[in-house]
Amino acid sequence: MLTRYWKDPAAILSYTINWSNESLPTGDTIVSSYWVVSDGLTLASASSTTTTATAWLSGGERGKQYKATNRVITTDGRRDERTLTIIVEDQ
């Protein structure tokens, strides 16, 4: 799944992936979540629950696109990832 979002260069915004809607079977939950972001974009903070993963992102240069990838491991041993495309423009 490739999802696109727009942000202003000065904005610090949260982006959440709801894994229960994506690929978690009933009873499976997230035990580990981490984010990898393109150079030029800053991961200000990250958090997760048993079904969601959230990244707060800042920075970026006008007119450029960046990737933010969330990688999770679940209680059943699944390993999966989703990538967001962040397009930086004046908003």
N, C-alpha and C. Protein backbone atom coordinates (compact mmCIF):
# COMPACT_ATOMS: atom_id res chain seq x y z
N MET A 1 0.84 -1.18 0.00
CA MET A 1 0.00 0.00 0.00
C MET A 1 0.88 1.24 0.00
N LEU A 2 0.63 2.13 -0.92
CA LEU A 2 1.35 3.39 -0.98
C LEU A 2 0.34 4.50 -0.76
N THR A 3 0.53 5.28 0.29
CA THR A 3 -0.40 6.34 0.63
C THR A 3 0.35 7.67 0.57
N ARG A 4 -0.30 8.69 0.00
CA ARG A 4 0.33 10.01 -0.14
C ARG A 4 -0.33 11.02 0.79
N TYR A 5 0.54 11.85 1.37
CA TYR A 5 0.11 12.93 2.25
C TYR A 5 0.88 14.18 1.87
N TRP A 6 0.26 15.34 2.11
CA TRP A 6 0.92 16.61 1.86
C TRP A 6 1.15 17.30 3.18
N LYS A 7 2.29 18.00 3.28
CA LYS A 7 2.59 18.79 4.47
C LYS A 7 3.34 20.04 4.07
N ASP A 8 3.19 21.08 4.87
CA ASP A 8 3.94 22.30 4.73
C ASP A 8 5.34 22.08 5.31
N PRO A 9 6.38 22.73 4.77
CA PRO A 9 7.72 22.52 5.31
C PRO A 9 7.85 22.86 6.80
N ALA A 10 7.05 23.80 7.29
CA ALA A 10 7.14 24.21 8.69
C ALA A 10 6.27 23.37 9.62
N ALA A 11 5.43 22.52 9.06
CA ALA A 11 4.48 21.75 9.88
C ALA A 11 5.16 20.57 10.57
N ILE A 12 4.65 20.26 11.75
CA ILE A 12 4.98 19.02 12.46
C ILE A 12 3.66 18.29 12.61
N LEU A 13 3.52 17.18 11.87
CA LEU A 13 2.23 16.49 11.79
C LEU A 13 2.37 15.02 12.15
N SER A 14 1.26 14.45 12.61
CA SER A 14 1.24 13.01 12.93
C SER A 14 0.63 12.24 11.76
N TYR A 15 1.17 11.04 11.55
CA TYR A 15 0.70 10.12 10.52
C TYR A 15 0.53 8.77 11.19
N THR A 16 -0.68 8.21 11.10
CA THR A 16 -0.98 6.96 11.79
C THR A 16 -1.38 5.88 10.80
N ILE A 17 -0.83 4.69 11.01
CA ILE A 17 -1.24 3.52 10.26
C ILE A 17 -2.04 2.63 11.20
N ASN A 18 -3.26 2.31 10.82
CA ASN A 18 -4.10 1.42 11.61
C ASN A 18 -3.92 0.01 11.06
N TRP A 19 -3.07 -0.75 11.69
CA TRP A 19 -2.75 -2.09 11.20
C TRP A 19 -3.92 -3.05 11.32
N SER A 20 -4.85 -2.81 12.23
CA SER A 20 -6.00 -3.71 12.35
C SER A 20 -6.85 -3.64 11.08
N ASN A 21 -6.85 -2.50 10.41
CA ASN A 21 -7.57 -2.37 9.15
C ASN A 21 -6.77 -2.92 7.98
N GLU A 22 -5.48 -3.08 8.16
CA GLU A 22 -4.58 -3.46 7.08
C GLU A 22 -4.37 -4.96 6.96
N SER A 23 -3.79 -5.56 8.00
CA SER A 23 -3.36 -6.95 7.80
C SER A 23 -3.32 -7.80 9.07
N LEU A 24 -3.79 -7.29 10.19
CA LEU A 24 -3.74 -8.08 11.41
C LEU A 24 -4.96 -8.97 11.54
N PRO A 25 -4.77 -10.29 11.55
CA PRO A 25 -5.90 -11.17 11.81
C PRO A 25 -6.39 -10.99 13.25
N THR A 26 -7.58 -11.40 13.53
CA THR A 26 -8.14 -11.30 14.87
C THR A 26 -7.21 -11.95 15.87
N GLY A 27 -6.89 -11.22 16.94
CA GLY A 27 -6.05 -11.75 18.00
C GLY A 27 -4.57 -11.44 17.85
N ASP A 28 -4.11 -11.06 16.65
CA ASP A 28 -2.71 -10.73 16.44
C ASP A 28 -2.52 -9.25 16.76
N THR A 29 -1.44 -8.90 17.43
CA THR A 29 -1.20 -7.52 17.82
C THR A 29 0.25 -7.13 17.57
N ILE A 30 0.50 -5.84 17.51
CA ILE A 30 1.84 -5.30 17.31
C ILE A 30 2.63 -5.41 18.61
N VAL A 31 3.85 -5.95 18.51
CA VAL A 31 4.74 -5.98 19.66
C VAL A 31 5.95 -5.09 19.44
N SER A 32 6.25 -4.76 18.19
CA SER A 32 7.39 -3.91 17.88
C SER A 32 7.06 -3.08 16.64
N SER A 33 7.37 -1.79 16.71
CA SER A 33 7.12 -0.89 15.60
C SER A 33 8.26 0.11 15.51
N TYR A 34 8.77 0.31 14.31
CA TYR A 34 9.74 1.38 14.14
C TYR A 34 9.59 2.01 12.76
N TRP A 35 10.06 3.25 12.66
CA TRP A 35 9.91 4.05 11.45
C TRP A 35 11.27 4.33 10.85
N VAL A 36 11.33 4.33 9.52
CA VAL A 36 12.50 4.74 8.77
C VAL A 36 12.03 5.86 7.84
N VAL A 37 12.71 7.01 7.89
CA VAL A 37 12.30 8.15 7.05
C VAL A 37 13.44 8.58 6.15
N SER A 38 13.08 9.14 4.99
CA SER A 38 14.06 9.64 4.03
C SER A 38 14.88 10.76 4.64
N ASP A 39 16.12 10.88 4.17
CA ASP A 39 16.95 12.03 4.56
C ASP A 39 16.23 13.31 4.18
N GLY A 40 16.28 14.30 5.07
CA GLY A 40 15.60 15.57 4.84
C GLY A 40 14.29 15.70 5.59
N LEU A 41 13.72 14.57 5.96
CA LEU A 41 12.52 14.53 6.78
C LEU A 41 12.95 14.10 8.17
N THR A 42 12.34 14.65 9.20
CA THR A 42 12.74 14.35 10.57
C THR A 42 11.63 13.61 11.31
N LEU A 43 12.00 12.49 11.93
CA LEU A 43 11.08 11.76 12.80
C LEU A 43 11.17 12.41 14.17
N ALA A 44 10.18 13.27 14.49
CA ALA A 44 10.20 14.00 15.76
C ALA A 44 9.90 13.07 16.93
N SER A 45 8.95 12.15 16.74
CA SER A 45 8.65 11.14 17.76
C SER A 45 7.80 10.05 17.13
N ALA A 46 7.71 8.93 17.83
CA ALA A 46 6.92 7.80 17.34
C ALA A 46 6.28 7.09 18.52
N SER A 47 5.14 6.49 18.27
CA SER A 47 4.47 5.70 19.31
C SER A 47 3.66 4.61 18.62
N SER A 48 3.25 3.63 19.42
CA SER A 48 2.40 2.57 18.86
C SER A 48 1.52 2.00 19.95
N THR A 49 0.43 1.39 19.50
CA THR A 49 -0.45 0.63 20.37
C THR A 49 -0.41 -0.81 19.86
N THR A 50 -1.31 -1.64 20.30
CA THR A 50 -1.34 -3.01 19.81
C THR A 50 -1.86 -3.11 18.38
N THR A 51 -2.47 -2.01 17.87
CA THR A 51 -3.03 -2.05 16.51
C THR A 51 -2.64 -0.87 15.63
N THR A 52 -2.00 0.16 16.17
CA THR A 52 -1.65 1.34 15.37
C THR A 52 -0.19 1.74 15.58
N ALA A 53 0.33 2.47 14.61
CA ALA A 53 1.68 3.04 14.71
C ALA A 53 1.60 4.48 14.23
N THR A 54 2.17 5.40 15.01
CA THR A 54 2.09 6.82 14.69
C THR A 54 3.49 7.42 14.66
N ALA A 55 3.73 8.25 13.64
CA ALA A 55 4.98 9.00 13.52
C ALA A 55 4.64 10.48 13.45
N TRP A 56 5.39 11.29 14.20
CA TRP A 56 5.31 12.75 14.09
C TRP A 56 6.49 13.17 13.23
N LEU A 57 6.18 13.82 12.08
CA LEU A 57 7.22 14.17 11.13
C LEU A 57 7.32 15.68 10.95
N SER A 58 8.55 16.15 10.81
CA SER A 58 8.79 17.56 10.56
C SER A 58 9.82 17.70 9.44
N GLY A 59 9.96 18.94 8.98
CA GLY A 59 10.98 19.23 7.98
C GLY A 59 10.54 18.94 6.57
N GLY A 60 11.55 18.78 5.73
CA GLY A 60 11.31 18.57 4.32
C GLY A 60 11.46 19.86 3.55
N GLU A 61 11.81 19.72 2.30
CA GLU A 61 12.03 20.87 1.43
C GLU A 61 10.90 20.97 0.42
N ARG A 62 10.43 22.21 0.20
CA ARG A 62 9.36 22.45 -0.77
C ARG A 62 9.66 21.78 -2.10
N GLY A 63 8.62 21.14 -2.66
CA GLY A 63 8.75 20.55 -3.97
C GLY A 63 9.36 19.15 -3.99
N LYS A 64 9.69 18.62 -2.82
CA LYS A 64 10.29 17.28 -2.76
C LYS A 64 9.32 16.28 -2.15
N GLN A 65 9.55 15.01 -2.47
CA GLN A 65 8.78 13.91 -1.89
C GLN A 65 9.70 13.07 -1.02
N TYR A 66 9.13 12.57 0.07
CA TYR A 66 9.89 11.77 1.03
C TYR A 66 9.11 10.50 1.34
N LYS A 67 9.81 9.52 1.84
CA LYS A 67 9.18 8.26 2.25
C LYS A 67 9.30 8.11 3.76
N ALA A 68 8.25 7.59 4.37
CA ALA A 68 8.24 7.22 5.78
C ALA A 68 7.70 5.79 5.84
N THR A 69 8.53 4.87 6.27
CA THR A 69 8.16 3.46 6.29
C THR A 69 8.02 2.97 7.72
N ASN A 70 6.89 2.35 8.00
CA ASN A 70 6.66 1.75 9.32
C ASN A 70 6.83 0.24 9.19
N ARG A 71 7.67 -0.32 10.05
CA ARG A 71 7.90 -1.77 10.08
C ARG A 71 7.42 -2.30 11.42
N VAL A 72 6.64 -3.37 11.37
CA VAL A 72 6.10 -3.94 12.60
C VAL A 72 6.39 -5.43 12.68
N ILE A 73 6.42 -5.91 13.92
CA ILE A 73 6.46 -7.34 14.23
C ILE A 73 5.28 -7.60 15.15
N THR A 74 4.58 -8.72 14.92
CA THR A 74 3.37 -9.01 15.69
C THR A 74 3.58 -10.20 16.63
N THR A 75 2.62 -10.38 17.51
CA THR A 75 2.69 -11.49 18.47
C THR A 75 2.73 -12.85 17.78
N ASP A 76 2.15 -12.95 16.60
CA ASP A 76 2.17 -14.21 15.85
C ASP A 76 3.42 -14.35 14.98
N GLY A 77 4.35 -13.38 15.06
CA GLY A 77 5.59 -13.46 14.31
C GLY A 77 5.55 -12.86 12.92
N ARG A 78 4.46 -12.20 12.57
CA ARG A 78 4.41 -11.54 11.27
C ARG A 78 5.35 -10.35 11.27
N ARG A 79 5.97 -10.12 10.12
CA ARG A 79 6.80 -8.93 9.89
C ARG A 79 6.23 -8.27 8.65
N ASP A 80 5.90 -6.99 8.78
CA ASP A 80 5.27 -6.30 7.65
C ASP A 80 5.70 -4.84 7.67
N GLU A 81 5.47 -4.15 6.56
CA GLU A 81 5.78 -2.73 6.51
C GLU A 81 4.82 -2.02 5.57
N ARG A 82 4.62 -0.75 5.83
CA ARG A 82 3.82 0.13 4.99
C ARG A 82 4.62 1.41 4.79
N THR A 83 4.55 1.95 3.56
CA THR A 83 5.29 3.17 3.24
C THR A 83 4.32 4.28 2.89
N LEU A 84 4.56 5.44 3.50
CA LEU A 84 3.80 6.65 3.21
C LEU A 84 4.69 7.56 2.36
N THR A 85 4.10 8.24 1.41
CA THR A 85 4.82 9.26 0.64
C THR A 85 4.37 10.61 1.18
N ILE A 86 5.34 11.42 1.59
CA ILE A 86 5.07 12.74 2.13
C ILE A 86 5.52 13.76 1.07
N ILE A 87 4.58 14.54 0.57
CA ILE A 87 4.87 15.56 -0.44
C ILE A 87 4.88 16.91 0.27
N VAL A 88 6.00 17.61 0.17
CA VAL A 88 6.15 18.87 0.89
C VAL A 88 5.83 20.04 -0.06
N GLU A 89 4.81 20.81 0.33
CA GLU A 89 4.37 21.98 -0.42
C GLU A 89 3.84 23.01 0.56
N ASP A 90 3.83 24.27 0.14
CA ASP A 90 3.21 25.29 0.97
C ASP A 90 1.72 24.99 1.08
N GLN A 91 1.20 24.98 2.29
CA GLN A 91 -0.22 24.68 2.51
C GLN A 91 -0.94 25.91 3.01
